[in-house]
Amino acid sequence: MIEHLQGRLIEKHPTHAVIECNGVGYRVSISLNTYSKLPDKESCKLLVHYAVSVDVRSGTSVHALYGFVEESERELFRLLIGISGVSAATANLILSGLSPGEVQSAVLNDNMTLFKSVKGIGPKLAQKIIVEMKSKLLKSELSSEISSFPHNTTRQEALSALAALGFDKISAQRALKKVVEMNGEEPIEEMVKAALKHLA
């Protein structure tokens, strides 16, 4: 199995990149998230997921490479394709429309609307992704690598404080979400105190 590709970046497009390794050019499908993080310089390294699917019409096998700059995105991609009804192409589309942090936040906060904003994701599949991804996220290391409250240090610290007090992460996140919706942003101490009332 191919773990990663490192070589010369020949082409860079929003949907794919071509990397030349020892004279062989590899076409790798990428998300917009990965595209935005690809370097402009020639030297490039992409983590890879090798996917094999079956064409429904012809019955032939279809082989494809999916590339990622960050391990957290690749792991999230693999969790998504483990859900029935989510193909590699669909998972890549989700990660093009949403950042890894947004995907995790949507799952842990039951945000179906965010998933439905991705082309091709209907209510049933959105609900299925949320239900099946929750347990997978909690078992993986992603929950600690990707914040459910991206770019918000105050809520991150409040969440860490609640976790240290013994509350499970999902319940703590829901409580903090209610606090922010009701009171807006507050100092960490006040957010924790208010969240404890919802967790009591």
C-alpha atoms as a PDB file:
ATOM      1  CA  MET A   1       0.000   0.000   0.000  1.00  0.00           C
ATOM      2  CA  ILE A   2       1.210   3.519  -0.796  1.00  0.00           C
ATOM      3  CA  GLU A   3       1.689   5.583   2.372  1.00  0.00           C
ATOM      4  CA  HIS A   4       2.838   8.835   0.797  1.00  0.00           C
ATOM      5  CA  LEU A   5       4.270  10.371  -2.355  1.00  0.00           C
ATOM      6  CA  GLN A   6       7.209  12.740  -2.299  1.00  0.00           C
ATOM      7  CA  GLY A   7       8.599  14.309  -5.421  1.00  0.00           C
ATOM      8  CA  ARG A   8       8.191  17.131  -7.906  1.00  0.00           C
ATOM      9  CA  LEU A   9       4.837  18.896  -8.112  1.00  0.00           C
ATOM     10  CA  ILE A  10       4.082  18.912 -11.848  1.00  0.00           C
ATOM     11  CA  GLU A  11       0.477  20.115 -11.770  1.00  0.00           C
ATOM     12  CA  LYS A  12      -1.723  21.701  -9.125  1.00  0.00           C
ATOM     13  CA  HIS A  13      -5.484  22.009  -9.616  1.00  0.00           C
ATOM     14  CA  PRO A  14      -8.436  22.433  -7.192  1.00  0.00           C
ATOM     15  CA  THR A  15      -9.476  18.808  -7.767  1.00  0.00           C
ATOM     16  CA  HIS A  16      -6.176  17.024  -8.331  1.00  0.00           C
ATOM     17  CA  ALA A  17      -2.405  17.260  -8.366  1.00  0.00           C
ATOM     18  CA  VAL A  18       0.281  15.436 -10.322  1.00  0.00           C
ATOM     19  CA  ILE A  19       3.476  14.462  -8.511  1.00  0.00           C
ATOM     20  CA  GLU A  20       6.470  13.002 -10.316  1.00  0.00           C
ATOM     21  CA  CYS A  21       8.417  10.392  -8.356  1.00  0.00           C
ATOM     22  CA  ASN A  22      11.440   8.786 -10.016  1.00  0.00           C
ATOM     23  CA  GLY A  23      10.164   9.568 -13.495  1.00  0.00           C
ATOM     24  CA  VAL A  24       6.588   8.376 -12.856  1.00  0.00           C
ATOM     25  CA  GLY A  25       3.756  10.921 -12.670  1.00  0.00           C
ATOM     26  CA  TYR A  26       0.996  10.134 -10.158  1.00  0.00           C
ATOM     27  CA  ARG A  27      -2.392  11.829 -10.508  1.00  0.00           C
ATOM     28  CA  VAL A  28      -3.826  12.323  -7.021  1.00  0.00           C
ATOM     29  CA  SER A  29      -7.343  13.533  -6.231  1.00  0.00           C
ATOM     30  CA  ILE A  30      -7.359  16.229  -3.549  1.00  0.00           C
ATOM     31  CA  SER A  31      -9.862  18.333  -1.620  1.00  0.00           C
ATOM     32  CA  LEU A  32      -9.975  22.124  -1.753  1.00  0.00           C
ATOM     33  CA  ASN A  33      -8.639  22.055   1.796  1.00  0.00           C
ATOM     34  CA  THR A  34      -5.502  20.220   0.652  1.00  0.00           C
ATOM     35  CA  TYR A  35      -5.248  22.352  -2.497  1.00  0.00           C
ATOM     36  CA  SER A  36      -5.086  25.520  -0.399  1.00  0.00           C
ATOM     37  CA  LYS A  37      -2.187  24.070   1.606  1.00  0.00           C
ATOM     38  CA  LEU A  38      -0.116  22.718  -1.266  1.00  0.00           C
ATOM     39  CA  PRO A  39       3.172  24.580  -1.700  1.00  0.00           C
ATOM     40  CA  ASP A  40       3.879  26.487  -4.890  1.00  0.00           C
ATOM     41  CA  LYS A  41       7.424  25.168  -4.933  1.00  0.00           C
ATOM     42  CA  GLU A  42       8.310  22.072  -6.937  1.00  0.00           C
ATOM     43  CA  SER A  43       9.114  19.773  -4.009  1.00  0.00           C
ATOM     44  CA  CYS A  44       5.989  18.265  -2.490  1.00  0.00           C
ATOM     45  CA  LYS A  45       4.851  15.491  -0.159  1.00  0.00           C
ATOM     46  CA  LEU A  46       1.312  14.120   0.029  1.00  0.00           C
ATOM     47  CA  LEU A  47      -0.068  11.494   2.382  1.00  0.00           C
ATOM     48  CA  VAL A  48      -2.036   9.005   0.309  1.00  0.00           C
ATOM     49  CA  HIS A  49      -5.118   6.820   0.515  1.00  0.00           C
ATOM     50  CA  TYR A  50      -5.373   4.173  -2.206  1.00  0.00           C
ATOM     51  CA  ALA A  51      -9.020   3.491  -3.069  1.00  0.00           C
ATOM     52  CA  VAL A  52     -10.482   0.690  -5.169  1.00  0.00           C
ATOM     53  CA  SER A  53     -14.127   0.754  -6.213  1.00  0.00           C
ATOM     54  CA  VAL A  54     -16.277  -1.115  -8.718  1.00  0.00           C
ATOM     55  CA  ASP A  55     -17.958   0.639 -11.634  1.00  0.00           C
ATOM     56  CA  VAL A  56     -21.652  -0.284 -11.409  1.00  0.00           C
ATOM     57  CA  ARG A  57     -22.205  -0.221 -15.168  1.00  0.00           C
ATOM     58  CA  SER A  58     -19.137  -2.072 -16.415  1.00  0.00           C
ATOM     59  CA  GLY A  59     -18.309  -4.107 -13.319  1.00  0.00           C
ATOM     60  CA  THR A  60     -14.644  -3.192 -13.673  1.00  0.00           C
ATOM     61  CA  SER A  61     -12.416  -2.057 -10.821  1.00  0.00           C
ATOM     62  CA  VAL A  62     -11.586   1.633 -10.539  1.00  0.00           C
ATOM     63  CA  HIS A  63      -8.323   2.556  -8.823  1.00  0.00           C
ATOM     64  CA  ALA A  64      -7.687   6.053  -7.474  1.00  0.00           C
ATOM     65  CA  LEU A  65      -5.246   7.893  -5.224  1.00  0.00           C
ATOM     66  CA  TYR A  66      -6.426  10.537  -2.761  1.00  0.00           C
ATOM     67  CA  GLY A  67      -3.867  12.926  -1.314  1.00  0.00           C
ATOM     68  CA  PHE A  68      -3.699  14.959   1.894  1.00  0.00           C
ATOM     69  CA  VAL A  69      -1.270  17.473   3.337  1.00  0.00           C
ATOM     70  CA  GLU A  70      -2.346  16.712   6.918  1.00  0.00           C
ATOM     71  CA  GLU A  71      -2.798  13.348   8.644  1.00  0.00           C
ATOM     72  CA  SER A  72      -5.923  14.590  10.444  1.00  0.00           C
ATOM     73  CA  GLU A  73      -7.702  15.127   7.119  1.00  0.00           C
ATOM     74  CA  ARG A  74      -6.699  11.692   5.833  1.00  0.00           C
ATOM     75  CA  GLU A  75      -7.984  10.027   8.999  1.00  0.00           C
ATOM     76  CA  LEU A  76     -11.258  11.937   8.739  1.00  0.00           C
ATOM     77  CA  PHE A  77     -11.537  10.872   5.081  1.00  0.00           C
ATOM     78  CA  ARG A  78     -11.079   7.234   6.102  1.00  0.00           C
ATOM     79  CA  LEU A  79     -13.716   7.536   8.818  1.00  0.00           C
ATOM     80  CA  LEU A  80     -16.163   8.992   6.287  1.00  0.00           C
ATOM     81  CA  ILE A  81     -15.691   6.255   3.678  1.00  0.00           C
ATOM     82  CA  GLY A  82     -16.290   3.681   6.400  1.00  0.00           C
ATOM     83  CA  ILE A  83     -19.929   4.803   6.408  1.00  0.00           C
ATOM     84  CA  SER A  84     -22.263   2.971   4.032  1.00  0.00           C
ATOM     85  CA  GLY A  85     -23.379   5.353   1.292  1.00  0.00           C
ATOM     86  CA  VAL A  86     -20.288   7.573   1.489  1.00  0.00           C
ATOM     87  CA  SER A  87     -17.933   6.873  -1.405  1.00  0.00           C
ATOM     88  CA  ALA A  88     -14.375   8.152  -1.638  1.00  0.00           C
ATOM     89  CA  ALA A  89     -15.558  10.803  -4.101  1.00  0.00           C
ATOM     90  CA  THR A  90     -18.320  11.911  -1.712  1.00  0.00           C
ATOM     91  CA  ALA A  91     -15.906  12.061   1.230  1.00  0.00           C
ATOM     92  CA  ASN A  92     -13.552  14.180  -0.864  1.00  0.00           C
ATOM     93  CA  LEU A  93     -16.459  16.472  -1.764  1.00  0.00           C
ATOM     94  CA  ILE A  94     -17.361  16.874   1.912  1.00  0.00           C
ATOM     95  CA  LEU A  95     -13.770  17.818   2.746  1.00  0.00           C
ATOM     96  CA  SER A  96     -13.785  20.301  -0.124  1.00  0.00           C
ATOM     97  CA  GLY A  97     -16.907  22.020   1.176  1.00  0.00           C
ATOM     98  CA  LEU A  98     -16.053  21.842   4.878  1.00  0.00           C
ATOM     99  CA  SER A  99     -12.813  22.044   6.828  1.00  0.00           C
ATOM    100  CA  PRO A 100     -11.869  19.057   9.044  1.00  0.00           C
ATOM    101  CA  GLY A 101     -12.762  21.146  12.092  1.00  0.00           C
ATOM    102  CA  GLU A 102     -16.183  22.001  10.657  1.00  0.00           C
ATOM    103  CA  VAL A 103     -16.893  18.337   9.880  1.00  0.00           C
ATOM    104  CA  GLN A 104     -16.088  17.265  13.418  1.00  0.00           C
ATOM    105  CA  SER A 105     -18.040  20.147  14.915  1.00  0.00           C
ATOM    106  CA  ALA A 106     -21.075  19.320  12.743  1.00  0.00           C
ATOM    107  CA  VAL A 107     -20.961  15.680  13.861  1.00  0.00           C
ATOM    108  CA  LEU A 108     -20.568  16.365  17.568  1.00  0.00           C
ATOM    109  CA  ASN A 109     -23.192  19.122  17.565  1.00  0.00           C
ATOM    110  CA  ASP A 110     -25.783  17.305  15.383  1.00  0.00           C
ATOM    111  CA  ASN A 111     -25.579  19.976  12.691  1.00  0.00           C
ATOM    112  CA  MET A 112     -27.362  18.343   9.749  1.00  0.00           C
ATOM    113  CA  THR A 113     -27.708  21.687   7.977  1.00  0.00           C
ATOM    114  CA  LEU A 114     -23.954  21.991   7.517  1.00  0.00           C
ATOM    115  CA  PHE A 115     -23.719  18.569   5.854  1.00  0.00           C
ATOM    116  CA  LYS A 116     -26.755  19.270   3.678  1.00  0.00           C
ATOM    117  CA  SER A 117     -24.947  22.357   2.370  1.00  0.00           C
ATOM    118  CA  VAL A 118     -22.590  19.971   0.547  1.00  0.00           C
ATOM    119  CA  LYS A 119     -23.792  19.040  -2.940  1.00  0.00           C
ATOM    120  CA  GLY A 120     -25.254  15.532  -3.060  1.00  0.00           C
ATOM    121  CA  ILE A 121     -25.789  15.194   0.707  1.00  0.00           C
ATOM    122  CA  GLY A 122     -29.479  14.835   1.578  1.00  0.00           C
ATOM    123  CA  PRO A 123     -31.186  14.694   5.003  1.00  0.00           C
ATOM    124  CA  LYS A 124     -30.957  10.893   5.335  1.00  0.00           C
ATOM    125  CA  LEU A 125     -27.256  10.684   4.507  1.00  0.00           C
ATOM    126  CA  ALA A 126     -26.491  13.728   6.667  1.00  0.00           C
ATOM    127  CA  GLN A 127     -28.198  12.066   9.629  1.00  0.00           C
ATOM    128  CA  LYS A 128     -26.417   8.781   8.960  1.00  0.00           C
ATOM    129  CA  ILE A 129     -23.025  10.496   8.847  1.00  0.00           C
ATOM    130  CA  ILE A 130     -23.678  12.197  12.181  1.00  0.00           C
ATOM    131  CA  VAL A 131     -24.924   9.044  13.927  1.00  0.00           C
ATOM    132  CA  GLU A 132     -22.139   6.763  12.691  1.00  0.00           C
ATOM    133  CA  MET A 133     -19.323   9.303  12.912  1.00  0.00           C
ATOM    134  CA  LYS A 134     -19.876  10.204  16.568  1.00  0.00           C
ATOM    135  CA  SER A 135     -18.670   6.910  18.001  1.00  0.00           C
ATOM    136  CA  LYS A 136     -15.845   6.726  15.468  1.00  0.00           C
ATOM    137  CA  LEU A 137     -14.605  10.205  16.347  1.00  0.00           C
ATOM    138  CA  LEU A 138     -14.612   9.467  20.050  1.00  0.00           C
ATOM    139  CA  LYS A 139     -12.590   6.283  19.485  1.00  0.00           C
ATOM    140  CA  SER A 140     -10.081   8.007  17.203  1.00  0.00           C
ATOM    141  CA  GLU A 141      -7.418  10.551  18.115  1.00  0.00           C
ATOM    142  CA  LEU A 142      -9.076  13.190  15.960  1.00  0.00           C
ATOM    143  CA  SER A 143     -11.178  14.554  18.806  1.00  0.00           C
ATOM    144  CA  SER A 144      -8.008  15.860  20.438  1.00  0.00           C
ATOM    145  CA  GLU A 145      -6.293  16.904  17.202  1.00  0.00           C
ATOM    146  CA  ILE A 146      -9.140  18.923  15.710  1.00  0.00           C
ATOM    147  CA  SER A 147     -10.992  21.340  17.923  1.00  0.00           C
ATOM    148  CA  SER A 148     -14.770  21.288  17.853  1.00  0.00           C
ATOM    149  CA  PHE A 149     -14.615  25.017  18.373  1.00  0.00           C
ATOM    150  CA  PRO A 150     -12.120  26.055  15.683  1.00  0.00           C
ATOM    151  CA  HIS A 151     -10.231  29.307  16.264  1.00  0.00           C
ATOM    152  CA  ASN A 152     -11.930  29.899  19.650  1.00  0.00           C
ATOM    153  CA  THR A 153      -9.428  29.528  22.482  1.00  0.00           C
ATOM    154  CA  THR A 154     -11.900  30.513  25.212  1.00  0.00           C
ATOM    155  CA  ARG A 155     -14.336  27.721  24.395  1.00  0.00           C
ATOM    156  CA  GLN A 156     -11.483  25.263  23.890  1.00  0.00           C
ATOM    157  CA  GLU A 157     -10.181  25.981  27.385  1.00  0.00           C
ATOM    158  CA  ALA A 158     -13.684  25.811  28.865  1.00  0.00           C
ATOM    159  CA  LEU A 159     -14.182  22.443  27.172  1.00  0.00           C
ATOM    160  CA  SER A 160     -10.859  21.190  28.556  1.00  0.00           C
ATOM    161  CA  ALA A 161     -11.870  22.335  32.039  1.00  0.00           C
ATOM    162  CA  LEU A 162     -15.175  20.449  31.862  1.00  0.00           C
ATOM    163  CA  ALA A 163     -13.392  17.342  30.584  1.00  0.00           C
ATOM    164  CA  ALA A 164     -10.970  17.585  33.515  1.00  0.00           C
ATOM    165  CA  LEU A 165     -13.990  17.640  35.824  1.00  0.00           C
ATOM    166  CA  GLY A 166     -15.062  14.285  34.423  1.00  0.00           C
ATOM    167  CA  PHE A 167     -17.753  15.247  31.912  1.00  0.00           C
ATOM    168  CA  ASP A 168     -17.799  13.497  28.543  1.00  0.00           C
ATOM    169  CA  LYS A 169     -16.848  15.664  25.587  1.00  0.00           C
ATOM    170  CA  ILE A 170     -20.137  15.532  23.672  1.00  0.00           C
ATOM    171  CA  SER A 171     -22.238  16.564  26.695  1.00  0.00           C
ATOM    172  CA  ALA A 172     -19.768  19.322  27.548  1.00  0.00           C
ATOM    173  CA  GLN A 173     -19.817  20.658  23.989  1.00  0.00           C
ATOM    174  CA  ARG A 174     -23.605  20.756  23.925  1.00  0.00           C
ATOM    175  CA  ALA A 175     -23.705  22.565  27.263  1.00  0.00           C
ATOM    176  CA  LEU A 176     -21.159  25.150  26.104  1.00  0.00           C
ATOM    177  CA  LYS A 177     -23.076  25.651  22.878  1.00  0.00           C
ATOM    178  CA  LYS A 178     -26.231  26.460  24.879  1.00  0.00           C
ATOM    179  CA  VAL A 179     -24.277  28.844  27.105  1.00  0.00           C
ATOM    180  CA  VAL A 180     -22.868  30.751  24.133  1.00  0.00           C
ATOM    181  CA  GLU A 181     -26.283  30.902  22.442  1.00  0.00           C
ATOM    182  CA  MET A 182     -27.863  32.305  25.620  1.00  0.00           C
ATOM    183  CA  ASN A 183     -25.111  34.548  26.993  1.00  0.00           C
ATOM    184  CA  GLY A 184     -22.615  35.067  24.186  1.00  0.00           C
ATOM    185  CA  GLU A 185     -18.871  34.878  24.814  1.00  0.00           C
ATOM    186  CA  GLU A 186     -17.882  35.135  28.487  1.00  0.00           C
ATOM    187  CA  PRO A 187     -14.714  34.615  30.552  1.00  0.00           C
ATOM    188  CA  ILE A 188     -13.726  30.955  30.936  1.00  0.00           C
ATOM    189  CA  GLU A 189     -14.794  30.768  34.587  1.00  0.00           C
ATOM    190  CA  GLU A 190     -18.275  32.094  33.818  1.00  0.00           C
ATOM    191  CA  MET A 191     -18.703  29.764  30.838  1.00  0.00           C
ATOM    192  CA  VAL A 192     -17.736  26.733  32.932  1.00  0.00           C
ATOM    193  CA  LYS A 193     -20.078  27.718  35.777  1.00  0.00           C
ATOM    194  CA  ALA A 194     -22.979  28.238  33.377  1.00  0.00           C
ATOM    195  CA  ALA A 195     -22.248  24.966  31.565  1.00  0.00           C
ATOM    196  CA  LEU A 196     -22.244  23.069  34.866  1.00  0.00           C
ATOM    197  CA  LYS A 197     -25.859  24.128  35.419  1.00  0.00           C
ATOM    198  CA  HIS A 198     -26.834  22.482  32.123  1.00  0.00           C
ATOM    199  CA  LEU A 199     -24.838  19.369  33.008  1.00  0.00           C
ATOM    200  CA  ALA A 200     -26.299  18.982  36.495  1.00  0.00           C
END
